[in-house]
Amino acid sequence: MSGTDYDARGLLCPLPVLKARKLLNGMAPGDVLTITCDDAMALVDLPHFCSEAGHEVLRITEGDDAQVFEIKRGP
């Protein structure tokens, strides 16, 4: 299992989801994407996208100015 980090701060909806989709498509099943976002809509959009696409949100960490999502690529 390997991982990828991506800083999506400054990107507004729907760009964080589109970037996550592109990155996850290039990863192997079981790999983990860590994506940092500062768009409040990402808290709704990314988990919804993961649910629909078969990926697993492992953790969401909310900070003062950003949220960090750890997403495990599905099969």
PDB file of N, CA and C in Angstrom:
ATOM      1  N   MET A   1       0.847  -1.177   0.000  1.00  0.00           N
ATOM      2  CA  MET A   1       0.000   0.000   0.000  1.00  0.00           C
ATOM      3  C   MET A   1       0.889   1.234   0.000  1.00  0.00           C
ATOM      4  N   SER A   2       0.569   2.183  -0.844  1.00  0.00           N
ATOM      5  CA  SER A   2       1.316   3.436  -0.882  1.00  0.00           C
ATOM      6  C   SER A   2       0.341   4.592  -0.771  1.00  0.00           C
ATOM      7  N   GLY A   3       0.876   5.778  -0.739  1.00  0.00           N
ATOM      8  CA  GLY A   3       0.013   6.926  -0.561  1.00  0.00           C
ATOM      9  C   GLY A   3       0.447   8.106  -1.398  1.00  0.00           C
ATOM     10  N   THR A   4      -0.487   9.022  -1.569  1.00  0.00           N
ATOM     11  CA  THR A   4      -0.265  10.241  -2.314  1.00  0.00           C
ATOM     12  C   THR A   4      -0.822  11.390  -1.489  1.00  0.00           C
ATOM     13  N   ASP A   5      -0.085  12.499  -1.433  1.00  0.00           N
ATOM     14  CA  ASP A   5      -0.551  13.709  -0.768  1.00  0.00           C
ATOM     15  C   ASP A   5      -0.841  14.763  -1.824  1.00  0.00           C
ATOM     16  N   TYR A   6      -1.945  15.513  -1.626  1.00  0.00           N
ATOM     17  CA  TYR A   6      -2.264  16.598  -2.549  1.00  0.00           C
ATOM     18  C   TYR A   6      -2.832  17.768  -1.771  1.00  0.00           C
ATOM     19  N   ASP A   7      -2.327  18.951  -2.047  1.00  0.00           N
ATOM     20  CA  ASP A   7      -2.804  20.180  -1.412  1.00  0.00           C
ATOM     21  C   ASP A   7      -3.790  20.858  -2.350  1.00  0.00           C
ATOM     22  N   ALA A   8      -5.072  20.794  -1.993  1.00  0.00           N
ATOM     23  CA  ALA A   8      -6.126  21.386  -2.822  1.00  0.00           C
ATOM     24  C   ALA A   8      -6.618  22.706  -2.241  1.00  0.00           C
ATOM     25  N   ARG A   9      -5.841  23.292  -1.327  1.00  0.00           N
ATOM     26  CA  ARG A   9      -6.256  24.583  -0.778  1.00  0.00           C
ATOM     27  C   ARG A   9      -6.314  25.619  -1.893  1.00  0.00           C
ATOM     28  N   GLY A  10      -7.366  26.418  -1.853  1.00  0.00           N
ATOM     29  CA  GLY A  10      -7.565  27.430  -2.882  1.00  0.00           C
ATOM     30  C   GLY A  10      -8.474  26.957  -4.003  1.00  0.00           C
ATOM     31  N   LEU A  11      -8.737  25.659  -4.078  1.00  0.00           N
ATOM     32  CA  LEU A  11      -9.643  25.133  -5.101  1.00  0.00           C
ATOM     33  C   LEU A  11     -11.063  25.105  -4.545  1.00  0.00           C
ATOM     34  N   LEU A  12     -12.004  25.600  -5.337  1.00  0.00           N
ATOM     35  CA  LEU A  12     -13.397  25.637  -4.921  1.00  0.00           C
ATOM     36  C   LEU A  12     -14.193  24.552  -5.622  1.00  0.00           C
ATOM     37  N   CYS A  13     -15.301  24.170  -5.013  1.00  0.00           N
ATOM     38  CA  CYS A  13     -16.202  23.149  -5.532  1.00  0.00           C
ATOM     39  C   CYS A  13     -16.477  23.419  -7.012  1.00  0.00           C
ATOM     40  N   PRO A  14     -16.387  22.438  -7.867  1.00  0.00           N
ATOM     41  CA  PRO A  14     -16.194  21.014  -7.648  1.00  0.00           C
ATOM     42  C   PRO A  14     -14.748  20.547  -7.829  1.00  0.00           C
ATOM     43  N   LEU A  15     -13.805  21.476  -7.886  1.00  0.00           N
ATOM     44  CA  LEU A  15     -12.421  21.109  -8.226  1.00  0.00           C
ATOM     45  C   LEU A  15     -11.765  20.130  -7.253  1.00  0.00           C
ATOM     46  N   PRO A  16     -11.962  20.229  -5.920  1.00  0.00           N
ATOM     47  CA  PRO A  16     -11.343  19.221  -5.054  1.00  0.00           C
ATOM     48  C   PRO A  16     -11.807  17.791  -5.374  1.00  0.00           C
ATOM     49  N   VAL A  17     -13.089  17.626  -5.673  1.00  0.00           N
ATOM     50  CA  VAL A  17     -13.606  16.293  -6.019  1.00  0.00           C
ATOM     51  C   VAL A  17     -13.044  15.835  -7.358  1.00  0.00           C
ATOM     52  N   LEU A  18     -12.999  16.715  -8.325  1.00  0.00           N
ATOM     53  CA  LEU A  18     -12.471  16.342  -9.645  1.00  0.00           C
ATOM     54  C   LEU A  18     -10.994  15.946  -9.548  1.00  0.00           C
ATOM     55  N   LYS A  19     -10.228  16.674  -8.755  1.00  0.00           N
ATOM     56  CA  LYS A  19      -8.813  16.351  -8.584  1.00  0.00           C
ATOM     57  C   LYS A  19      -8.661  15.025  -7.842  1.00  0.00           C
ATOM     58  N   ALA A  20      -9.476  14.824  -6.791  1.00  0.00           N
ATOM     59  CA  ALA A  20      -9.414  13.558  -6.049  1.00  0.00           C
ATOM     60  C   ALA A  20      -9.744  12.388  -6.963  1.00  0.00           C
ATOM     61  N   ARG A  21     -10.769  12.541  -7.794  1.00  0.00           N
ATOM     62  CA  ARG A  21     -11.147  11.468  -8.712  1.00  0.00           C
ATOM     63  C   ARG A  21      -9.998  11.131  -9.656  1.00  0.00           C
ATOM     64  N   LYS A  22      -9.371  12.142 -10.216  1.00  0.00           N
ATOM     65  CA  LYS A  22      -8.266  11.913 -11.142  1.00  0.00           C
ATOM     66  C   LYS A  22      -7.099  11.208 -10.441  1.00  0.00           C
ATOM     67  N   LEU A  23      -6.757  11.680  -9.246  1.00  0.00           N
ATOM     68  CA  LEU A  23      -5.650  11.061  -8.507  1.00  0.00           C
ATOM     69  C   LEU A  23      -5.971   9.623  -8.123  1.00  0.00           C
ATOM     70  N   LEU A  24      -7.180   9.379  -7.609  1.00  0.00           N
ATOM     71  CA  LEU A  24      -7.561   8.032  -7.194  1.00  0.00           C
ATOM     72  C   LEU A  24      -7.596   7.070  -8.376  1.00  0.00           C
ATOM     73  N   ASN A  25      -8.024   7.544  -9.526  1.00  0.00           N
ATOM     74  CA  ASN A  25      -8.047   6.687 -10.720  1.00  0.00           C
ATOM     75  C   ASN A  25      -6.652   6.211 -11.111  1.00  0.00           C
ATOM     76  N   GLY A  26      -5.630   6.989 -10.766  1.00  0.00           N
ATOM     77  CA  GLY A  26      -4.262   6.621 -11.096  1.00  0.00           C
ATOM     78  C   GLY A  26      -3.571   5.801 -10.012  1.00  0.00           C
ATOM     79  N   MET A  27      -4.299   5.488  -8.950  1.00  0.00           N
ATOM     80  CA  MET A  27      -3.720   4.752  -7.826  1.00  0.00           C
ATOM     81  C   MET A  27      -4.207   3.305  -7.833  1.00  0.00           C
ATOM     82  N   ALA A  28      -3.478   2.447  -7.127  1.00  0.00           N
ATOM     83  CA  ALA A  28      -3.867   1.041  -7.015  1.00  0.00           C
ATOM     84  C   ALA A  28      -4.905   0.882  -5.905  1.00  0.00           C
ATOM     85  N   PRO A  29      -5.789  -0.116  -6.021  1.00  0.00           N
ATOM     86  CA  PRO A  29      -6.742  -0.379  -4.943  1.00  0.00           C
ATOM     87  C   PRO A  29      -6.011  -0.558  -3.608  1.00  0.00           C
ATOM     88  N   GLY A  30      -6.537   0.080  -2.571  1.00  0.00           N
ATOM     89  CA  GLY A  30      -5.927   0.015  -1.249  1.00  0.00           C
ATOM     90  C   GLY A  30      -4.979   1.158  -0.946  1.00  0.00           C
ATOM     91  N   ASP A  31      -4.514   1.867  -1.987  1.00  0.00           N
ATOM     92  CA  ASP A  31      -3.650   3.031  -1.763  1.00  0.00           C
ATOM     93  C   ASP A  31      -4.453   4.133  -1.090  1.00  0.00           C
ATOM     94  N   VAL A  32      -3.760   5.035  -0.403  1.00  0.00           N
ATOM     95  CA  VAL A  32      -4.419   6.098   0.349  1.00  0.00           C
ATOM     96  C   VAL A  32      -4.038   7.467  -0.219  1.00  0.00           C
ATOM     97  N   LEU A  33      -5.059   8.264  -0.488  1.00  0.00           N
ATOM     98  CA  LEU A  33      -4.890   9.656  -0.905  1.00  0.00           C
ATOM     99  C   LEU A  33      -5.143  10.537   0.309  1.00  0.00           C
ATOM    100  N   THR A  34      -4.200  11.415   0.608  1.00  0.00           N
ATOM    101  CA  THR A  34      -4.396  12.427   1.638  1.00  0.00           C
ATOM    102  C   THR A  34      -4.527  13.757   0.916  1.00  0.00           C
ATOM    103  N   ILE A  35      -5.709  14.362   1.013  1.00  0.00           N
ATOM    104  CA  ILE A  35      -5.975  15.606   0.309  1.00  0.00           C
ATOM    105  C   ILE A  35      -6.401  16.673   1.307  1.00  0.00           C
ATOM    106  N   THR A  36      -5.749  17.827   1.215  1.00  0.00           N
ATOM    107  CA  THR A  36      -6.022  18.950   2.105  1.00  0.00           C
ATOM    108  C   THR A  36      -6.834  19.986   1.345  1.00  0.00           C
ATOM    109  N   CYS A  37      -7.984  20.377   1.915  1.00  0.00           N
ATOM    110  CA  CYS A  37      -8.904  21.316   1.267  1.00  0.00           C
ATOM    111  C   CYS A  37      -9.267  22.441   2.221  1.00  0.00           C
ATOM    112  N   ASP A  38      -9.562  23.615   1.673  1.00  0.00           N
ATOM    113  CA  ASP A  38     -10.069  24.700   2.508  1.00  0.00           C
ATOM    114  C   ASP A  38     -11.445  25.174   2.057  1.00  0.00           C
ATOM    115  N   ASP A  39     -12.053  24.473   1.113  1.00  0.00           N
ATOM    116  CA  ASP A  39     -13.420  24.762   0.686  1.00  0.00           C
ATOM    117  C   ASP A  39     -14.373  24.009   1.609  1.00  0.00           C
ATOM    118  N   ALA A  40     -15.242  24.731   2.307  1.00  0.00           N
ATOM    119  CA  ALA A  40     -16.161  24.106   3.263  1.00  0.00           C
ATOM    120  C   ALA A  40     -17.050  23.055   2.612  1.00  0.00           C
ATOM    121  N   MET A  41     -17.359  23.195   1.350  1.00  0.00           N
ATOM    122  CA  MET A  41     -18.211  22.222   0.653  1.00  0.00           C
ATOM    123  C   MET A  41     -17.531  20.865   0.504  1.00  0.00           C
ATOM    124  N   ALA A  42     -16.220  20.825   0.632  1.00  0.00           N
ATOM    125  CA  ALA A  42     -15.503  19.551   0.522  1.00  0.00           C
ATOM    126  C   ALA A  42     -15.951  18.585   1.616  1.00  0.00           C
ATOM    127  N   LEU A  43     -16.374  19.112   2.768  1.00  0.00           N
ATOM    128  CA  LEU A  43     -16.844  18.247   3.854  1.00  0.00           C
ATOM    129  C   LEU A  43     -18.088  17.456   3.457  1.00  0.00           C
ATOM    130  N   VAL A  44     -18.838  17.965   2.520  1.00  0.00           N
ATOM    131  CA  VAL A  44     -20.021  17.269   1.999  1.00  0.00           C
ATOM    132  C   VAL A  44     -19.671  16.516   0.722  1.00  0.00           C
ATOM    133  N   ASP A  45     -18.990  17.213  -0.182  1.00  0.00           N
ATOM    134  CA  ASP A  45     -18.761  16.683  -1.525  1.00  0.00           C
ATOM    135  C   ASP A  45     -17.817  15.478  -1.570  1.00  0.00           C
ATOM    136  N   LEU A  46     -16.699  15.531  -0.859  1.00  0.00           N
ATOM    137  CA  LEU A  46     -15.739  14.424  -0.937  1.00  0.00           C
ATOM    138  C   LEU A  46     -16.293  13.124  -0.351  1.00  0.00           C
ATOM    139  N   PRO A  47     -16.911  13.135   0.841  1.00  0.00           N
ATOM    140  CA  PRO A  47     -17.493  11.879   1.335  1.00  0.00           C
ATOM    141  C   PRO A  47     -18.593  11.336   0.418  1.00  0.00           C
ATOM    142  N   HIS A  48     -19.388  12.227  -0.164  1.00  0.00           N
ATOM    143  CA  HIS A  48     -20.437  11.780  -1.091  1.00  0.00           C
ATOM    144  C   HIS A  48     -19.822  11.132  -2.329  1.00  0.00           C
ATOM    145  N   PHE A  49     -18.810  11.774  -2.891  1.00  0.00           N
ATOM    146  CA  PHE A  49     -18.116  11.210  -4.044  1.00  0.00           C
ATOM    147  C   PHE A  49     -17.546   9.832  -3.709  1.00  0.00           C
ATOM    148  N   CYS A  50     -16.897   9.717  -2.549  1.00  0.00           N
ATOM    149  CA  CYS A  50     -16.289   8.439  -2.156  1.00  0.00           C
ATOM    150  C   CYS A  50     -17.344   7.350  -2.019  1.00  0.00           C
ATOM    151  N   SER A  51     -18.467   7.682  -1.426  1.00  0.00           N
ATOM    152  CA  SER A  51     -19.549   6.725  -1.266  1.00  0.00           C
ATOM    153  C   SER A  51     -20.056   6.233  -2.615  1.00  0.00           C
ATOM    154  N   GLU A  52     -20.215   7.148  -3.527  1.00  0.00           N
ATOM    155  CA  GLU A  52     -20.715   6.803  -4.869  1.00  0.00           C
ATOM    156  C   GLU A  52     -19.695   6.007  -5.683  1.00  0.00           C
ATOM    157  N   ALA A  53     -18.403   6.312  -5.501  1.00  0.00           N
ATOM    158  CA  ALA A  53     -17.356   5.703  -6.327  1.00  0.00           C
ATOM    159  C   ALA A  53     -16.748   4.450  -5.710  1.00  0.00           C
ATOM    160  N   GLY A  54     -17.121   4.115  -4.471  1.00  0.00           N
ATOM    161  CA  GLY A  54     -16.603   2.904  -3.850  1.00  0.00           C
ATOM    162  C   GLY A  54     -15.288   3.076  -3.108  1.00  0.00           C
ATOM    163  N   HIS A  55     -14.938   4.325  -2.792  1.00  0.00           N
ATOM    164  CA  HIS A  55     -13.735   4.586  -2.008  1.00  0.00           C
ATOM    165  C   HIS A  55     -14.137   4.740  -0.542  1.00  0.00           C
ATOM    166  N   GLU A  56     -13.170   4.594   0.366  1.00  0.00           N
ATOM    167  CA  GLU A  56     -13.454   4.664   1.793  1.00  0.00           C
ATOM    168  C   GLU A  56     -12.764   5.876   2.422  1.00  0.00           C
ATOM    169  N   VAL A  57     -13.546   6.716   3.080  1.00  0.00           N
ATOM    170  CA  VAL A  57     -12.972   7.827   3.836  1.00  0.00           C
ATOM    171  C   VAL A  57     -12.487   7.258   5.163  1.00  0.00           C
ATOM    172  N   LEU A  58     -11.176   7.237   5.353  1.00  0.00           N
ATOM    173  CA  LEU A  58     -10.593   6.685   6.570  1.00  0.00           C
ATOM    174  C   LEU A  58     -10.658   7.677   7.717  1.00  0.00           C
ATOM    175  N   ARG A  59     -10.419   8.952   7.399  1.00  0.00           N
ATOM    176  CA  ARG A  59     -10.370   9.961   8.449  1.00  0.00           C
ATOM    177  C   ARG A  59     -10.561  11.339   7.833  1.00  0.00           C
ATOM    178  N   ILE A  60     -11.246  12.205   8.574  1.00  0.00           N
ATOM    179  CA  ILE A  60     -11.341  13.624   8.239  1.00  0.00           C
ATOM    180  C   ILE A  60     -10.860  14.385   9.462  1.00  0.00           C
ATOM    181  N   THR A  61      -9.848  15.198   9.265  1.00  0.00           N
ATOM    182  CA  THR A  61      -9.316  16.024  10.345  1.00  0.00           C
ATOM    183  C   THR A  61      -9.599  17.478   9.997  1.00  0.00           C
ATOM    184  N   GLU A  62     -10.318  18.161  10.890  1.00  0.00           N
ATOM    185  CA  GLU A  62     -10.645  19.562  10.656  1.00  0.00           C
ATOM    186  C   GLU A  62      -9.722  20.456  11.460  1.00  0.00           C
ATOM    187  N   GLY A  63      -9.047  21.362  10.764  1.00  0.00           N
ATOM    188  CA  GLY A  63      -8.201  22.351  11.415  1.00  0.00           C
ATOM    189  C   GLY A  63      -8.853  23.715  11.342  1.00  0.00           C
ATOM    190  N   ASP A  64      -8.128  24.731  11.753  1.00  0.00           N
ATOM    191  CA  ASP A  64      -8.672  26.093  11.741  1.00  0.00           C
ATOM    192  C   ASP A  64      -8.929  26.603  10.329  1.00  0.00           C
ATOM    193  N   ASP A  65      -8.067  26.237   9.395  1.00  0.00           N
ATOM    194  CA  ASP A  65      -8.191  26.799   8.057  1.00  0.00           C
ATOM    195  C   ASP A  65      -8.284  25.751   6.949  1.00  0.00           C
ATOM    196  N   ALA A  66      -8.345  24.475   7.303  1.00  0.00           N
ATOM    197  CA  ALA A  66      -8.405  23.432   6.273  1.00  0.00           C
ATOM    198  C   ALA A  66      -8.906  22.123   6.863  1.00  0.00           C
ATOM    199  N   GLN A  67      -9.323  21.232   5.968  1.00  0.00           N
ATOM    200  CA  GLN A  67      -9.713  19.878   6.332  1.00  0.00           C
ATOM    201  C   GLN A  67      -8.770  18.925   5.600  1.00  0.00           C
ATOM    202  N   VAL A  68      -8.381  17.859   6.291  1.00  0.00           N
ATOM    203  CA  VAL A  68      -7.514  16.852   5.682  1.00  0.00           C
ATOM    204  C   VAL A  68      -8.309  15.555   5.601  1.00  0.00           C
ATOM    205  N   PHE A  69      -8.427  15.028   4.389  1.00  0.00           N
ATOM    206  CA  PHE A  69      -9.168  13.798   4.125  1.00  0.00           C
ATOM    207  C   PHE A  69      -8.181  12.694   3.794  1.00  0.00           C
ATOM    208  N   GLU A  70      -8.342  11.556   4.447  1.00  0.00           N
ATOM    209  CA  GLU A  70      -7.561  10.367   4.087  1.00  0.00           C
ATOM    210  C   GLU A  70      -8.548   9.411   3.441  1.00  0.00           C
ATOM    211  N   ILE A  71      -8.311   9.116   2.171  1.00  0.00           N
ATOM    212  CA  ILE A  71      -9.234   8.326   1.366  1.00  0.00           C
ATOM    213  C   ILE A  71      -8.533   7.084   0.843  1.00  0.00           C
ATOM    214  N   LYS A  72      -9.095   5.923   1.128  1.00  0.00           N
ATOM    215  CA  LYS A  72      -8.548   4.657   0.640  1.00  0.00           C
ATOM    216  C   LYS A  72      -9.237   4.318  -0.672  1.00  0.00           C
ATOM    217  N   ARG A  73      -8.421   4.089  -1.700  1.00  0.00           N
ATOM    218  CA  ARG A  73      -8.979   3.774  -3.018  1.00  0.00           C
ATOM    219  C   ARG A  73      -9.681   2.426  -2.972  1.00  0.00           C
ATOM    220  N   GLY A  74     -10.867   2.397  -3.528  1.00  0.00           N
ATOM    221  CA  GLY A  74     -11.641   1.164  -3.584  1.00  0.00           C
ATOM    222  C   GLY A  74     -11.186   0.260  -4.704  1.00  0.00           C
ATOM    223  N   PRO A  75     -11.877  -0.863  -4.850  1.00  0.00           N
ATOM    224  CA  PRO A  75     -11.492  -1.844  -5.877  1.00  0.00           C
ATOM    225  C   PRO A  75     -11.718  -1.344  -7.301  1.00  0.00           C
TER     226      PRO A  75
END
